[in-house]
Amino acid sequence: MIRLIFTPALAALMICAVLGPIGIPFLRKLKMGQTEREEGVESHLKKAGTPTMGGIFILTAMLLVCIPAARTQPKLVPVIILTAGFGLIGFLDDFLKVVLRRSDGLLAWQKFLLQLMFTAVFAFLASRFLPGGFVMRLPFSGGDVWDPGWLSYPLLFFVVIGTVNGVNFTDGLDGLASSVTLAVSVFFIVASLLLEGGVEPAGAACAGALLGFLLYNAYPAKIFMGDTGSLALGGFVAGMAYMLELPLYIPLIGLVYLVEVLSVMIQVSYFKLTHGKRIFKMAPIHHHFELCGWSETRIVAVFSILTCAMCLLGLIGL
């Protein structure tokens, strides 16, 4: 157990910790700075110019640790592919926006097509390691599973892309997505051990990488993860959930992701229906709390504690 958990976690942490002092000045020199909307939260304007694309550190650490481990833990392969694939999509989006100064980054259809492509590759690979198909463990059922049948593949695409977008929306405050996903990573480590899922090294690598990244991403952040990091982490969460037959646990352990994406959907829908009225002061919902007077550190702490509580509840549900 020590080899499968603590070694990957420590290795990923050290890689991220070392990449920080090297990569942050390099990204700053390349002028890969974050841009902040003037109509957004006023306190965020001072963050303009902070280097972004720090997700490269997280992704590098995870891949350097997980790829060698996959030789003895082959169930890691689908998780690696989904994490790296969505990280690549995020990198392309960040590169176009930050380096080439194309404000929209990847066009919506380009991003969606790439997401579909990597999700399809994941589905193909995962099916080879899940002989029972994409069955889902039912929370608090004592081990019962649900077989969606012909709905399995459409549901997989919906869950993967929805989860990735939820994590992406959560990345809006210093250390928020990192802290929340750190708790989710620990849940997957414990769940993999309890269920003998064989993917605990990926959870450990992600947890270690996020700890190392938080050295530079905690408030006040010296670097942001950008879409490179948030999309990669979304792929990781969805991939781990499916390899452990736990996609129905995502709304529980990823309650923050769900609330973030729902807040955007509700805000946009209500704005269109009422021709300009809003339910929240700003979406995603973490910005609403900011405009209500909460500090960034308080929001991150509350959302992280909530995620920890939901992950403990998820473990009870196993």
Protein backbone atom coordinates (compact mmCIF):
# COMPACT_ATOMS: atom_id res chain seq x y z
CA MET A 1 0.00 0.00 0.00
CA ILE A 2 2.85 2.38 0.81
CA ARG A 3 4.34 1.85 -2.65
CA LEU A 4 1.01 2.39 -4.44
CA ILE A 5 -0.03 5.50 -2.52
CA PHE A 6 2.66 7.35 -0.65
CA THR A 7 5.40 6.95 -3.26
CA PRO A 8 3.31 8.36 -6.18
CA ALA A 9 1.95 11.13 -3.95
CA LEU A 10 5.38 12.19 -2.72
CA ALA A 11 6.92 11.98 -6.20
CA ALA A 12 4.16 14.11 -7.76
CA LEU A 13 4.36 16.63 -4.94
CA MET A 14 8.11 17.02 -5.37
CA ILE A 15 7.82 17.36 -9.16
CA CYS A 16 5.22 20.14 -8.84
CA ALA A 17 7.17 21.84 -6.07
CA VAL A 18 10.32 21.88 -8.22
CA LEU A 19 8.51 23.00 -11.37
CA GLY A 20 7.08 26.06 -9.63
CA PRO A 21 10.28 28.14 -9.23
CA ILE A 22 11.37 27.10 -12.73
CA GLY A 23 8.09 27.41 -14.59
CA ILE A 24 6.53 30.53 -13.06
CA PRO A 25 9.35 32.93 -14.10
CA PHE A 26 9.44 31.24 -17.52
CA LEU A 27 5.69 31.73 -18.06
CA ARG A 28 5.95 35.31 -16.81
CA LYS A 29 8.78 35.97 -19.25
CA LEU A 30 6.62 34.63 -22.09
CA LYS A 31 3.88 37.03 -20.89
CA MET A 32 1.40 34.20 -20.37
CA GLY A 33 -0.60 36.31 -17.96
CA GLN A 34 -4.20 35.96 -16.88
CA THR A 35 -6.66 38.53 -18.20
CA GLU A 36 -9.54 39.65 -16.00
CA ARG A 37 -12.87 40.98 -17.23
CA GLU A 38 -13.51 44.58 -16.22
CA GLU A 39 -17.18 43.73 -15.63
CA GLY A 40 -16.17 40.95 -13.23
CA VAL A 41 -15.35 41.08 -9.53
CA GLU A 42 -13.41 44.29 -8.96
CA SER A 43 -10.90 42.74 -6.56
CA HIS A 44 -9.80 40.36 -9.33
CA LEU A 45 -8.46 43.15 -11.52
CA LYS A 46 -5.24 43.14 -9.52
CA LYS A 47 -4.70 39.53 -10.63
CA ALA A 48 -4.28 40.55 -14.26
CA GLY A 49 -0.86 39.48 -15.46
CA THR A 50 -0.50 36.58 -13.01
CA PRO A 51 0.90 33.65 -15.04
CA THR A 52 -1.62 31.04 -16.10
CA MET A 53 -1.35 27.59 -17.76
CA GLY A 54 0.04 26.25 -14.48
CA GLY A 55 -1.97 23.12 -15.12
CA ILE A 56 1.08 22.02 -17.10
CA PHE A 57 2.80 21.43 -13.74
CA ILE A 58 -0.06 19.24 -12.48
CA LEU A 59 -0.34 17.30 -15.71
CA THR A 60 3.42 16.79 -16.00
CA ALA A 61 3.68 15.49 -12.44
CA MET A 62 0.74 13.12 -12.89
CA LEU A 63 1.98 11.72 -16.19
CA LEU A 64 5.55 11.24 -14.98
CA VAL A 65 4.25 9.25 -12.02
CA CYS A 66 1.32 7.38 -13.60
CA ILE A 67 2.80 6.25 -16.91
CA PRO A 68 5.53 4.08 -15.30
CA ALA A 69 2.98 2.77 -12.77
CA ALA A 70 0.67 1.70 -15.62
CA ARG A 71 3.08 -1.10 -16.51
CA THR A 72 1.97 -2.98 -13.40
CA GLN A 73 -1.42 -1.27 -12.95
CA PRO A 74 -2.93 -1.35 -16.47
CA LYS A 75 -6.29 0.03 -15.30
CA LEU A 76 -4.54 3.37 -15.03
CA VAL A 77 -4.32 3.65 -18.82
CA PRO A 78 -7.90 4.89 -19.48
CA VAL A 79 -7.57 7.42 -16.65
CA ILE A 80 -4.25 8.66 -18.04
CA ILE A 81 -5.72 9.01 -21.54
CA LEU A 82 -8.77 10.96 -20.37
CA THR A 83 -6.74 13.21 -18.07
CA ALA A 84 -4.06 13.92 -20.67
CA GLY A 85 -6.61 14.28 -23.49
CA PHE A 86 -8.66 16.91 -21.73
CA GLY A 87 -5.48 18.56 -20.50
CA LEU A 88 -4.38 18.85 -24.12
CA ILE A 89 -7.70 20.48 -25.05
CA GLY A 90 -7.22 22.95 -22.20
CA PHE A 91 -3.64 23.63 -23.27
CA LEU A 92 -4.71 24.41 -26.84
CA ASP A 93 -7.45 26.70 -25.54
CA ASP A 94 -5.06 28.51 -23.18
CA PHE A 95 -2.36 28.77 -25.85
CA LEU A 96 -4.71 30.38 -28.34
CA LYS A 97 -6.06 32.82 -25.75
CA VAL A 98 -2.91 33.72 -23.88
CA VAL A 99 -0.08 33.31 -26.39
CA LEU A 100 -1.76 34.00 -29.73
CA ARG A 101 -4.14 36.53 -28.13
CA ARG A 102 -7.22 34.95 -29.72
CA SER A 103 -9.81 35.98 -27.14
CA ASP A 104 -12.18 33.06 -27.72
CA GLY A 105 -9.50 30.36 -27.74
CA LEU A 106 -10.79 27.20 -29.34
CA LEU A 107 -14.12 27.67 -31.07
CA ALA A 108 -17.03 25.97 -29.29
CA TRP A 109 -17.44 23.31 -31.98
CA GLN A 110 -13.71 22.57 -31.99
CA LYS A 111 -13.61 22.12 -28.21
CA PHE A 112 -16.75 19.97 -28.21
CA LEU A 113 -15.47 17.78 -31.04
CA LEU A 114 -12.17 17.19 -29.24
CA GLN A 115 -14.03 16.38 -26.02
CA LEU A 116 -16.16 13.84 -27.86
CA MET A 117 -13.08 12.31 -29.44
CA PHE A 118 -11.15 11.78 -26.20
CA THR A 119 -14.26 10.58 -24.40
CA ALA A 120 -14.79 7.98 -27.15
CA VAL A 121 -11.18 6.79 -26.81
CA PHE A 122 -11.66 6.52 -23.04
CA ALA A 123 -14.92 4.59 -23.48
CA PHE A 124 -13.21 2.10 -25.78
CA LEU A 125 -10.25 1.56 -23.45
CA ALA A 126 -12.31 1.46 -20.27
CA SER A 127 -14.66 -1.16 -21.72
CA ARG A 128 -11.70 -3.54 -22.05
CA PHE A 129 -11.06 -3.35 -18.29
CA LEU A 130 -14.71 -3.46 -17.23
CA PRO A 131 -16.04 -6.83 -18.40
CA GLY A 132 -19.39 -6.17 -16.75
CA GLY A 133 -19.90 -3.07 -18.86
CA PHE A 134 -20.46 0.41 -17.53
CA VAL A 135 -22.49 -0.62 -14.51
CA MET A 136 -22.81 1.88 -11.70
CA ARG A 137 -22.70 1.25 -7.98
CA LEU A 138 -25.76 2.62 -6.22
CA PRO A 139 -24.91 4.80 -3.20
CA PHE A 140 -25.99 3.43 0.18
CA SER A 141 -27.29 0.21 -1.39
CA GLY A 142 -24.82 -2.20 0.18
CA GLY A 143 -23.06 -2.90 -3.11
CA ASP A 144 -25.97 -3.09 -5.56
CA VAL A 145 -25.30 -1.90 -9.11
CA TRP A 146 -27.38 -0.41 -11.90
CA ASP A 147 -26.84 -1.46 -15.51
CA PRO A 148 -28.03 1.35 -17.82
CA GLY A 149 -27.99 -1.04 -20.79
CA TRP A 150 -28.15 0.78 -24.12
CA LEU A 151 -27.99 4.10 -22.26
CA SER A 152 -24.47 3.33 -21.01
CA TYR A 153 -22.57 5.15 -23.76
CA PRO A 154 -24.79 8.25 -24.07
CA LEU A 155 -24.72 8.52 -20.29
CA LEU A 156 -20.93 8.16 -20.23
CA PHE A 157 -20.50 11.05 -22.67
CA PHE A 158 -22.92 13.19 -20.65
CA VAL A 159 -21.20 12.42 -17.32
CA VAL A 160 -17.66 12.94 -18.61
CA ILE A 161 -18.31 16.23 -20.41
CA GLY A 162 -20.58 17.50 -17.63
CA THR A 163 -18.00 16.71 -14.95
CA VAL A 164 -15.20 18.36 -16.90
CA ASN A 165 -17.23 21.53 -17.33
CA GLY A 166 -18.16 21.50 -13.64
CA VAL A 167 -14.50 21.42 -12.61
CA ASN A 168 -13.73 24.10 -15.20
CA PHE A 169 -16.35 26.46 -13.71
CA THR A 170 -14.99 25.79 -10.20
CA ASP A 171 -11.60 27.20 -11.20
CA GLY A 172 -12.21 30.86 -10.46
CA LEU A 173 -10.60 31.64 -7.10
CA ASP A 174 -7.09 31.15 -5.77
CA GLY A 175 -6.77 27.50 -4.74
CA LEU A 176 -10.48 26.65 -5.10
CA ALA A 177 -10.40 23.97 -7.80
CA SER A 178 -7.11 22.63 -6.41
CA SER A 179 -8.42 22.27 -2.84
CA VAL A 180 -11.79 20.78 -3.80
CA THR A 181 -10.23 18.28 -6.20
CA LEU A 182 -7.59 17.35 -3.62
CA ALA A 183 -10.38 16.13 -1.33
CA VAL A 184 -12.01 14.25 -4.22
CA SER A 185 -8.64 12.63 -5.04
CA VAL A 186 -8.30 11.32 -1.50
CA PHE A 187 -11.82 9.87 -1.76
CA PHE A 188 -10.81 7.98 -4.90
CA ILE A 189 -7.66 6.63 -3.21
CA VAL A 190 -9.67 5.19 -0.33
CA ALA A 191 -12.46 3.96 -2.62
CA SER A 192 -9.97 2.19 -4.89
CA LEU A 193 -8.41 0.43 -1.92
CA LEU A 194 -11.79 -0.63 -0.53
CA LEU A 195 -13.07 -1.82 -3.90
CA GLU A 196 -9.72 -3.19 -5.11
CA GLY A 197 -10.07 -0.96 -8.14
CA GLY A 198 -6.38 -0.82 -9.06
CA VAL A 199 -6.31 2.92 -9.79
CA GLU A 200 -5.16 4.27 -6.43
CA PRO A 201 -1.75 5.40 -7.86
CA ALA A 202 -3.58 7.91 -10.09
CA GLY A 203 -5.49 9.28 -7.11
CA ALA A 204 -2.27 9.52 -5.12
CA ALA A 205 -0.43 11.23 -7.99
CA CYS A 206 -3.23 13.76 -8.39
CA ALA A 207 -3.35 14.47 -4.66
CA GLY A 208 0.43 14.93 -4.50
CA ALA A 209 0.49 17.13 -7.60
CA LEU A 210 -2.26 19.34 -6.19
CA LEU A 211 -0.46 19.69 -2.87
CA GLY A 212 2.65 20.78 -4.73
CA PHE A 213 0.66 23.14 -6.94
CA LEU A 214 -1.09 24.70 -3.94
CA LEU A 215 2.29 25.95 -2.76
CA TYR A 216 1.96 28.51 -5.57
CA ASN A 217 -1.80 28.54 -6.21
CA ALA A 218 -3.08 29.23 -2.68
CA TYR A 219 -4.12 32.82 -1.96
CA PRO A 220 -2.51 35.06 -3.09
CA ALA A 221 -1.84 32.90 -6.13
CA LYS A 222 1.46 33.19 -7.95
CA ILE A 223 0.09 31.11 -10.82
CA PHE A 224 -3.28 29.89 -12.09
CA MET A 225 -3.94 26.44 -13.53
CA GLY A 226 -5.91 27.72 -16.53
CA ASP A 227 -8.02 25.42 -18.68
CA THR A 228 -4.97 23.17 -19.00
CA GLY A 229 -5.37 22.22 -15.37
CA SER A 230 -9.12 22.44 -14.84
CA LEU A 231 -10.01 20.32 -17.89
CA ALA A 232 -7.32 17.76 -17.01
CA LEU A 233 -8.67 17.52 -13.46
CA GLY A 234 -12.19 17.12 -14.81
CA GLY A 235 -11.00 14.26 -16.98
CA PHE A 236 -9.28 12.71 -13.98
CA VAL A 237 -12.43 12.87 -11.82
CA ALA A 238 -14.66 11.38 -14.52
CA GLY A 239 -12.10 8.72 -15.45
CA MET A 240 -11.56 7.58 -11.88
CA ALA A 241 -15.30 7.47 -11.22
CA TYR A 242 -15.94 5.23 -14.22
CA MET A 243 -13.02 2.89 -13.57
CA LEU A 244 -14.36 2.39 -10.02
CA GLU A 245 -17.99 2.11 -11.23
CA LEU A 246 -18.81 5.25 -9.21
CA PRO A 247 -20.23 7.83 -11.65
CA LEU A 248 -23.40 8.08 -9.53
CA TYR A 249 -21.18 9.31 -6.69
CA ILE A 250 -19.98 12.35 -8.66
CA PRO A 251 -22.97 14.56 -7.68
CA LEU A 252 -22.22 13.65 -4.05
CA ILE A 253 -18.44 13.98 -3.80
CA GLY A 254 -18.42 16.66 -6.51
CA LEU A 255 -21.33 18.63 -5.09
CA VAL A 256 -19.35 21.85 -5.50
CA TYR A 257 -18.77 21.10 -9.20
CA LEU A 258 -22.49 20.42 -9.63
CA VAL A 259 -23.57 23.61 -7.87
CA GLU A 260 -21.08 25.68 -9.86
CA VAL A 261 -22.30 24.43 -13.24
CA LEU A 262 -25.97 24.61 -12.21
CA SER A 263 -25.53 28.21 -11.07
CA VAL A 264 -24.27 29.14 -14.53
CA MET A 265 -27.10 27.29 -16.27
CA ILE A 266 -29.74 28.86 -14.01
CA GLN A 267 -28.25 32.35 -14.38
CA VAL A 268 -28.07 32.19 -18.17
CA SER A 269 -31.54 30.66 -18.55
CA TYR A 270 -33.18 33.16 -16.18
CA PHE A 271 -31.37 36.07 -17.84
CA LYS A 272 -32.73 35.08 -21.24
CA LEU A 273 -36.26 34.32 -20.00
CA THR A 274 -36.58 37.61 -18.11
CA HIS A 275 -34.67 39.72 -20.66
CA GLY A 276 -31.89 40.86 -18.37
CA LYS A 277 -32.76 39.92 -14.78
CA ARG A 278 -30.43 37.80 -12.65
CA ILE A 279 -30.88 35.37 -9.77
CA PHE A 280 -27.27 35.53 -8.59
CA LYS A 281 -25.16 38.66 -8.38
CA MET A 282 -22.69 36.84 -10.60
CA ALA A 283 -22.11 33.29 -11.80
CA PRO A 284 -20.46 30.85 -11.20
CA ILE A 285 -21.75 30.91 -7.64
CA HIS A 286 -18.37 31.47 -5.95
CA HIS A 287 -18.40 34.98 -7.47
CA HIS A 288 -21.89 35.52 -6.02
CA PHE A 289 -20.51 34.88 -2.54
CA GLU A 290 -17.61 37.23 -3.25
CA LEU A 291 -20.02 40.02 -4.15
CA CYS A 292 -21.93 39.22 -0.96
CA GLY A 293 -18.79 40.14 0.99
CA TRP A 294 -17.12 36.77 1.52
CA SER A 295 -13.32 36.72 1.17
CA GLU A 296 -11.66 34.36 -1.28
CA THR A 297 -10.05 32.39 1.53
CA ARG A 298 -13.39 31.96 3.30
CA ILE A 299 -15.10 30.68 0.14
CA VAL A 300 -12.27 28.24 -0.57
CA ALA A 301 -12.32 27.00 3.02
CA VAL A 302 -16.12 26.53 3.11
CA PHE A 303 -16.28 24.83 -0.29
CA SER A 304 -13.35 22.55 0.61
CA ILE A 305 -14.84 21.60 3.98
CA LEU A 306 -18.16 20.89 2.28
CA THR A 307 -16.38 18.63 -0.23
CA CYS A 308 -14.56 16.79 2.56
CA ALA A 309 -17.88 16.18 4.30
CA MET A 310 -19.48 14.92 1.08
CA CYS A 311 -16.50 12.62 0.43
CA LEU A 312 -16.82 11.14 3.93
CA LEU A 313 -20.52 10.62 3.23
CA GLY A 314 -19.56 8.97 -0.06
CA LEU A 315 -17.26 6.55 1.72
CA ILE A 316 -20.08 5.64 4.08
CA GLY A 317 -22.25 5.07 1.00
CA LEU A 318 -19.81 2.51 -0.35
